Protein backbone atom coordinates (compact mmCIF):
# COMPACT_ATOMS: atom_id res chain seq x y z
CA UNK A 1 53.53 108.13 136.29
CA UNK A 2 52.62 110.22 139.32
CA UNK A 3 51.65 107.07 141.20
CA UNK A 4 55.08 105.51 140.75
CA UNK A 5 56.01 106.12 144.39
CA UNK A 6 52.97 104.26 145.76
CA UNK A 7 52.87 100.52 146.33
CA UNK A 8 50.41 98.59 144.24
CA UNK A 9 49.94 95.96 146.95
CA UNK A 10 46.59 96.15 148.67
CA UNK A 11 45.08 98.63 146.19
CA UNK A 12 41.54 97.50 145.35
CA UNK A 13 40.25 96.46 141.95
CA UNK A 14 40.95 98.48 138.87
CA UNK A 15 43.23 101.05 140.59
CA UNK A 16 45.54 98.30 141.79
CA UNK A 17 45.71 96.79 138.32
CA UNK A 18 46.53 100.19 136.77
CA UNK A 19 49.30 100.78 139.30
CA UNK A 20 50.73 97.35 138.58
CA UNK A 21 50.84 98.17 134.87
CA UNK A 22 52.56 101.51 135.63
CA UNK A 23 55.17 99.71 137.72
CA UNK A 24 55.81 97.27 134.87
CA UNK A 25 56.16 100.13 132.37
CA UNK A 26 58.56 101.95 134.71
CA UNK A 27 60.69 98.80 134.95
CA UNK A 28 60.70 98.54 131.14
CA UNK A 29 61.61 102.23 130.82
CA UNK A 30 64.52 101.79 133.22
CA UNK A 31 65.83 98.86 131.20
CA UNK A 32 65.49 100.73 127.92
CA UNK A 33 67.16 103.86 129.32
CA UNK A 34 70.08 101.76 130.51
CA UNK A 35 70.37 100.16 127.08
CA UNK A 36 70.26 103.57 125.42
CA UNK A 37 72.97 104.91 127.72
CA UNK A 38 75.21 101.93 126.97
CA UNK A 39 74.73 102.44 123.23
CA UNK A 40 75.52 106.16 123.62
CA UNK A 41 78.78 105.18 125.33
CA UNK A 42 79.58 102.84 122.46
CA UNK A 43 78.90 105.61 119.94
CA UNK A 44 81.19 107.90 121.92
CA UNK A 45 84.02 105.37 121.76
CA UNK A 46 83.45 104.88 118.02
CA UNK A 47 83.80 108.63 117.42
CA UNK A 48 87.45 108.45 118.50
CA UNK A 49 87.77 111.99 119.79
CA UNK A 50 85.04 113.67 117.75
CA UNK A 51 82.65 115.99 119.56
CA UNK A 52 80.08 114.22 121.73
CA UNK A 53 77.54 117.00 121.20
CA UNK A 54 76.17 116.73 117.67
CA UNK A 55 73.46 119.36 117.22
CA UNK A 56 72.25 118.03 113.87
CA UNK A 57 71.83 114.48 115.21
CA UNK A 58 70.00 115.66 118.34
CA UNK A 59 67.70 117.82 116.21
CA UNK A 60 66.88 114.86 113.96
CA UNK A 61 66.00 112.67 116.97
CA UNK A 62 63.77 115.32 118.50
CA UNK A 63 61.94 116.07 115.24
CA UNK A 64 61.33 112.37 114.59
CA UNK A 65 59.88 111.78 118.04
CA UNK A 66 57.77 114.94 117.96
CA UNK A 67 56.35 113.89 114.59
CA UNK A 68 55.68 110.32 115.80
CA UNK A 69 54.21 111.40 119.14
CA UNK A 70 50.69 109.88 119.55
CA UNK A 71 49.88 111.87 122.72
CA UNK A 72 48.54 112.55 125.27
CA UNK A 73 51.87 114.22 126.14
CA UNK A 74 52.51 117.38 124.12
CA UNK A 75 55.32 117.68 121.64
CA UNK A 76 57.06 120.16 123.96
CA UNK A 77 56.87 117.64 126.82
CA UNK A 78 58.36 114.92 124.63
CA UNK A 79 61.17 117.27 123.61
CA UNK A 80 61.97 118.17 127.23
CA UNK A 81 62.11 114.49 128.21
CA UNK A 82 64.34 113.41 125.32
CA UNK A 83 66.70 116.37 125.80
CA UNK A 84 67.20 115.38 129.44
CA UNK A 85 67.89 111.80 128.40
CA UNK A 86 70.42 112.95 125.82
CA UNK A 87 71.95 115.29 128.40
CA UNK A 88 72.48 112.45 130.87
CA UNK A 89 73.88 110.15 128.18
CA UNK A 90 76.22 112.88 126.87
CA UNK A 91 77.57 113.39 130.39
CA UNK A 92 78.69 109.76 130.53
CA UNK A 93 81.33 110.64 127.93
CA UNK A 94 82.27 114.23 128.73
CA UNK A 95 81.15 117.27 130.68
CA UNK A 96 79.46 119.76 128.38
CA UNK A 97 80.60 123.17 129.60
CA UNK A 98 78.47 126.10 128.41
CA UNK A 99 79.07 129.79 129.17
CA UNK A 100 76.01 132.02 129.53
CA UNK A 101 75.12 135.57 130.54
CA UNK A 102 74.85 135.27 134.30
CA UNK A 103 74.40 135.27 137.16
CA UNK A 104 72.22 132.27 137.96
CA UNK A 105 68.51 132.77 137.43
CA UNK A 106 68.71 134.63 134.11
CA UNK A 107 66.77 133.76 130.99
CA UNK A 108 70.11 132.86 129.40
CA UNK A 109 70.54 130.10 131.97
CA UNK A 110 67.03 128.86 131.14
CA UNK A 111 68.05 128.71 127.48
CA UNK A 112 71.10 126.59 128.38
CA UNK A 113 68.97 124.12 130.33
CA UNK A 114 66.29 124.00 127.65
CA UNK A 115 68.79 123.15 124.92
CA UNK A 116 71.48 121.11 126.70
CA UNK A 117 69.45 119.64 129.58
CA UNK A 118 70.29 119.81 133.27
CA UNK A 119 73.33 117.48 133.23
CA UNK A 120 75.59 120.28 132.05
CA UNK A 121 78.31 122.49 133.51
CA UNK A 122 76.82 125.96 133.08
CA UNK A 123 79.26 128.83 133.62
CA UNK A 124 77.75 132.18 134.58
CA UNK A 125 79.64 135.05 132.93
CA UNK A 126 79.53 138.76 133.70
CA UNK A 127 78.61 139.92 130.19
CA UNK A 128 78.23 138.78 126.59
CA UNK A 129 81.87 139.58 125.86
CA UNK A 130 82.95 137.11 128.55
CA UNK A 131 80.74 134.41 127.02
CA UNK A 132 82.62 134.72 123.73
CA UNK A 133 85.97 134.80 125.52
CA UNK A 134 85.16 131.67 127.53
CA UNK A 135 84.92 129.60 124.33
CA UNK A 136 87.73 131.39 122.50
CA UNK A 137 90.12 130.69 125.39
CA UNK A 138 88.94 127.12 126.00
CA UNK A 139 87.29 127.66 129.41
CA UNK A 140 84.01 126.51 127.88
CA UNK A 141 83.09 124.38 124.89
CA UNK A 142 80.02 126.41 123.92
CA UNK A 143 78.40 129.76 124.65
CA UNK A 144 74.71 130.64 124.85
CA UNK A 145 74.10 134.29 123.91
CA UNK A 146 70.90 136.26 123.20
CA UNK A 147 70.71 137.68 119.68
CA UNK A 148 67.21 139.10 119.27
CA UNK A 149 63.89 139.61 121.03
CA UNK A 150 60.53 139.59 119.29
CA UNK A 151 59.51 142.80 121.10
CA UNK A 152 62.72 144.80 121.34
CA UNK A 153 64.69 143.60 118.31
CA UNK A 154 68.37 142.72 117.92
CA UNK A 155 70.94 142.49 120.72
CA UNK A 156 73.55 144.79 119.23
CA UNK A 157 76.48 143.62 121.35
CA UNK A 158 76.09 140.01 120.18
CA UNK A 159 76.01 141.09 116.53
CA UNK A 160 79.04 143.35 116.94
CA UNK A 161 81.12 140.63 118.61
CA UNK A 162 80.26 137.84 116.20
CA UNK A 163 81.63 139.74 113.19
CA UNK A 164 85.22 139.49 114.42
CA UNK A 165 84.98 136.27 116.41
CA UNK A 166 86.31 132.90 115.14
CA UNK A 167 83.32 131.18 116.76
CA UNK A 168 80.58 129.63 114.62
CA UNK A 169 76.85 129.33 115.23
CA UNK A 170 75.95 125.67 115.77
CA UNK A 171 72.46 125.97 117.26
CA UNK A 172 69.60 128.25 118.17
CA UNK A 173 67.06 128.32 120.99
CA UNK A 174 63.67 130.02 120.97
CA UNK A 175 62.72 130.83 124.57
CA UNK A 176 59.32 132.32 125.47
CA UNK A 177 60.03 135.17 127.88
CA UNK A 178 57.53 135.57 130.70
CA UNK A 179 58.48 138.44 132.97
CA UNK A 180 57.62 138.16 136.67
CA UNK A 181 57.40 141.09 139.08
CA UNK A 182 58.81 140.07 142.48
CA UNK A 183 59.82 141.69 145.75
CA UNK A 184 61.02 141.08 149.31
CA UNK A 185 58.34 138.91 150.98
CA UNK A 186 58.20 140.52 154.44
CA UNK A 187 55.30 142.87 153.69
CA UNK A 188 52.70 140.28 152.69
CA UNK A 189 51.50 136.93 153.91
CA UNK A 190 51.57 135.42 150.45
CA UNK A 191 52.61 136.22 146.91
CA UNK A 192 50.42 136.66 143.82
CA UNK A 193 48.38 139.26 145.68
CA UNK A 194 48.85 141.95 143.03
CA UNK A 195 50.63 145.30 143.25
CA UNK A 196 47.92 147.02 145.34
CA UNK A 197 47.71 144.43 148.14
CA UNK A 198 51.10 145.18 149.72
CA UNK A 199 51.36 147.54 152.73
CA UNK A 200 54.57 149.15 151.44
CA UNK A 201 54.22 150.59 147.92
CA UNK A 202 56.78 149.82 145.24
CA UNK A 203 58.93 152.88 144.64
CA UNK A 204 61.62 151.31 142.44
CA UNK A 205 61.58 148.57 139.82
CA UNK A 206 64.89 146.98 138.88
CA UNK A 207 65.46 145.07 135.67
CA UNK A 208 67.73 144.54 132.71
CA UNK A 209 67.14 147.25 130.10
CA UNK A 210 65.55 144.69 127.76
CA UNK A 211 63.15 143.50 130.49
CA UNK A 212 62.14 147.04 131.41
CA UNK A 213 61.46 147.77 127.76
CA UNK A 214 59.42 144.58 127.35
CA UNK A 215 57.19 145.60 130.30
CA UNK A 216 57.00 149.38 129.87
CA UNK A 217 53.26 149.53 129.13
CA UNK A 218 52.38 147.31 132.09
CA UNK A 219 54.60 149.35 134.42
CA UNK A 220 53.08 152.61 133.18
CA UNK A 221 49.56 151.33 133.91
CA UNK A 222 50.19 149.65 137.26
CA UNK A 223 53.23 151.43 138.74
CA UNK A 224 53.24 154.88 137.13
CA UNK A 225 55.16 156.52 139.97
CA UNK A 226 57.84 153.88 140.42
CA UNK A 227 61.40 154.66 139.31
CA UNK A 228 62.73 152.22 136.71
CA UNK A 229 66.36 151.32 137.33
CA UNK A 230 68.32 149.43 134.66
CA UNK A 231 70.83 146.89 136.00
CA UNK A 232 73.33 144.55 134.35
CA UNK A 233 71.01 141.53 134.76
CA UNK A 234 67.65 140.62 136.25
CA UNK A 235 69.47 138.47 138.80
CA UNK A 236 71.34 141.57 139.96
CA UNK A 237 67.95 143.27 140.24
CA UNK A 238 66.71 140.37 142.36
CA UNK A 239 69.73 140.68 144.65
CA UNK A 240 69.08 144.40 145.15
CA UNK A 241 65.32 144.00 145.61
CA UNK A 242 65.88 141.31 148.26
CA UNK A 243 67.46 143.98 150.47
CA UNK A 244 64.98 146.82 149.87
CA UNK A 245 61.41 146.67 151.24
CA UNK A 246 60.10 149.30 148.78
CA UNK A 247 61.71 147.84 145.64
CA UNK A 248 60.73 145.15 143.15
CA UNK A 249 62.44 143.54 140.21
CA UNK A 250 61.59 141.92 136.90
CA UNK A 251 62.89 138.53 135.87
CA UNK A 252 62.20 134.83 135.66
CA UNK A 253 60.18 132.96 138.24
CA UNK A 254 63.28 130.82 138.81
CA UNK A 255 65.05 133.95 140.07
CA UNK A 256 62.28 134.53 142.62
CA UNK A 257 62.89 131.11 144.15
CA UNK A 258 66.68 131.51 143.94
CA UNK A 259 66.76 134.87 145.72
CA UNK A 260 63.90 134.24 148.18
CA UNK A 261 61.50 136.78 146.67
CA UNK A 262 57.72 136.71 146.64
CA UNK A 263 55.88 136.85 143.31
CA UNK A 264 53.78 140.00 143.02
CA UNK A 265 52.50 139.43 139.49
CA UNK A 266 53.21 136.90 136.76
CA UNK A 267 53.44 137.55 133.02
CA UNK A 268 53.78 141.31 133.10
CA UNK A 269 55.35 141.46 129.63
CA UNK A 270 53.44 143.68 127.17
CA UNK A 271 53.38 141.05 124.41
CA UNK A 272 52.06 137.58 125.27
CA UNK A 273 54.18 136.06 122.48
CA UNK A 274 57.38 137.71 123.75
CA UNK A 275 60.26 135.43 122.70
CA UNK A 276 64.04 135.73 122.76
CA UNK A 277 66.20 133.93 120.23
CA UNK A 278 69.53 132.62 121.53
CA UNK A 279 72.55 131.37 119.59
CA UNK A 280 74.75 128.44 120.53
CA UNK A 281 78.35 129.27 119.62
CA UNK A 282 81.20 126.79 119.27
CA UNK A 283 84.39 126.16 117.35
CA UNK A 284 82.50 124.72 114.38
CA UNK A 285 78.98 124.82 113.05
CA UNK A 286 76.64 121.85 112.52
CA UNK A 287 76.35 119.33 109.72
CA UNK A 288 73.09 119.30 107.73
CA UNK A 289 70.07 118.14 109.74
CA UNK A 290 67.44 118.39 107.01
CA UNK A 291 65.84 121.56 108.39
CA UNK A 292 68.49 124.21 108.82
CA UNK A 293 69.28 127.90 108.87
CA UNK A 294 72.40 129.76 107.81
CA UNK A 295 73.50 133.11 109.23
CA UNK A 296 75.86 135.43 107.40
CA UNK A 297 77.14 138.98 107.54
CA UNK A 298 78.06 141.01 104.48
CA UNK A 299 79.28 144.44 103.54
CA UNK A 300 77.86 146.29 100.56
CA UNK A 301 80.03 148.28 98.19
CA UNK A 302 79.31 152.01 98.23
CA UNK A 303 77.24 151.99 95.04
CA UNK A 304 73.57 152.73 94.27
CA UNK A 305 71.42 149.61 94.67
CA UNK A 306 74.31 147.63 96.17
CA UNK A 307 72.22 146.03 98.95
CA UNK A 308 69.49 144.91 96.56
CA UNK A 309 72.13 143.48 94.25
CA UNK A 310 73.71 141.61 97.18
CA UNK A 311 70.46 139.90 98.13
CA UNK A 312 69.33 139.13 94.58
CA UNK A 313 71.11 135.71 94.38
CA UNK A 314 69.02 134.49 97.34
CA UNK A 315 65.81 135.58 95.66
CA UNK A 316 66.86 134.05 92.33
CA UNK A 317 67.51 130.71 94.08
CA UNK A 318 64.15 130.82 95.88
CA UNK A 319 65.83 130.94 99.30
CA UNK A 320 63.76 132.60 102.02
CA UNK A 321 65.24 135.07 104.49
CA UNK A 322 63.86 135.14 108.03
CA UNK A 323 65.98 138.07 109.21
CA UNK A 324 67.76 141.11 107.76
CA UNK A 325 69.49 143.44 110.20
CA UNK A 326 71.83 146.37 109.54
CA UNK A 327 74.53 147.54 111.96
CA UNK A 328 77.09 150.35 111.69
CA UNK A 329 80.43 148.96 110.56
CA UNK A 330 83.48 149.64 112.69
CA UNK A 331 85.58 150.25 109.60
CA UNK A 332 84.29 153.73 108.79
CA UNK A 333 81.71 156.47 109.37
CA UNK A 334 78.26 155.90 107.82
CA UNK A 335 79.20 152.42 106.60
CA UNK A 336 77.01 149.44 107.46
CA UNK A 337 77.13 145.68 107.56
CA UNK A 338 74.09 143.49 107.01
CA UNK A 339 73.20 140.37 108.97
CA UNK A 340 71.07 137.81 107.14
CA UNK A 341 69.40 134.62 108.36
CA UNK A 342 68.21 132.40 105.54
CA UNK A 343 66.70 128.95 105.20
CA UNK A 344 68.93 126.01 104.28
CA UNK A 345 72.42 124.76 105.01
CA UNK A 346 75.55 126.28 103.48
CA UNK A 347 76.31 122.85 101.96
CA UNK A 348 72.98 122.77 100.08
CA UNK A 349 73.68 123.18 96.38
CA UNK A 350 71.31 126.12 95.85
CA UNK A 351 72.51 128.07 98.86
CA UNK A 352 76.17 127.30 98.15
CA UNK A 353 75.79 128.72 94.63
CA UNK A 354 73.97 131.80 95.93
CA UNK A 355 76.68 132.43 98.54
CA UNK A 356 79.38 132.20 95.87
CA UNK A 357 77.55 134.81 93.82
CA UNK A 358 77.08 137.08 96.85
CA UNK A 359 80.78 136.82 97.67
CA UNK A 360 81.64 138.00 94.16
CA UNK A 361 79.42 141.06 94.60
CA UNK A 362 80.06 141.97 98.28
CA UNK A 363 82.74 144.13 99.83
CA UNK A 364 83.09 141.20 102.22
CA UNK A 365 81.11 138.12 103.21
CA UNK A 366 81.38 135.94 106.31
CA UNK A 367 79.26 132.84 106.85
CA UNK A 368 78.59 132.76 110.60
CA UNK A 369 77.37 129.18 110.62
CA UNK A 370 74.72 126.67 109.59
CA UNK A 371 72.63 125.01 112.29
CA UNK A 372 69.35 123.16 112.92
CA UNK A 373 66.29 125.40 112.94
CA UNK A 374 64.66 125.43 116.37
CA UNK A 375 60.97 124.67 116.78
CA UNK A 376 59.02 127.58 118.25
CA UNK A 377 57.63 126.70 121.69
């Protein structure tokens, strides 16, 4: 539909006919979008105060359309389009307010926009603690927080906070993380020239600790003498680098545009498949969608083989685990809690029975939420 802005009148032959067909399809799309929006409003009125955002319903719509997609658009393209449509329709009923680890330009903000679409009130928070507090105090309806990275592992602060929080996991987002090296543009006529093409060498590289860790091999090869300075966020690194001619920062390409920086090098992460998993937190979790995950945290009794005994009900029920993470418990020295992500919804009969058995064996058990499983991008 790239020709939608051009008039079909006067275009010769086949090209003119194709543009006329595109115009007709655009008119039909506009009519159908308006009908969909009106139906979404009717659904909102029928809910009588229930939440407008229904993660399980949105997941079902996206999966159905991805499965039915005949091409040539990719499944990811179809998902982006339908999420934006749902975002605009949702906004007709209420403003979806989502707290995220700010400031603007972070990967957390990208995760918000990927999951909720652009018609959303995204609140940049100073740290992960503030994201939790925003929902707990009612300033936001949902929070988007990072929980693990495929290269660097779990985000400990998120795991520590979720144990004592009343919030529930209602969604997850898998975001490919492509780190960009960027710097103040005054030294070069254009970006993408590489690290050796700039008159002033890079003496410092700013970045969030996770970003620096994800790029350590690349930095060692290409900028071995540059100091690596950890900052609270990549956006803070961009702000600092914008004022220093001999500094650079890591972060998203969106941050480069936001802070007026020139791109030195794209995709400097050490692992091409580098991905961060984010959690959507709210007051309640999601209803079954047909393809779900359940997260839980448990404490093992101080007995030999206690952890194996805790997990045995999942194995006996044939329930797969996609994640097992241990963290020191705050209740005592050398005691640990175990975070588990397993397939299925807590309302599924097999998982419900396994959870009941685990609860009988565990020092404590907390189900953190059931939610639709995200498709990997």
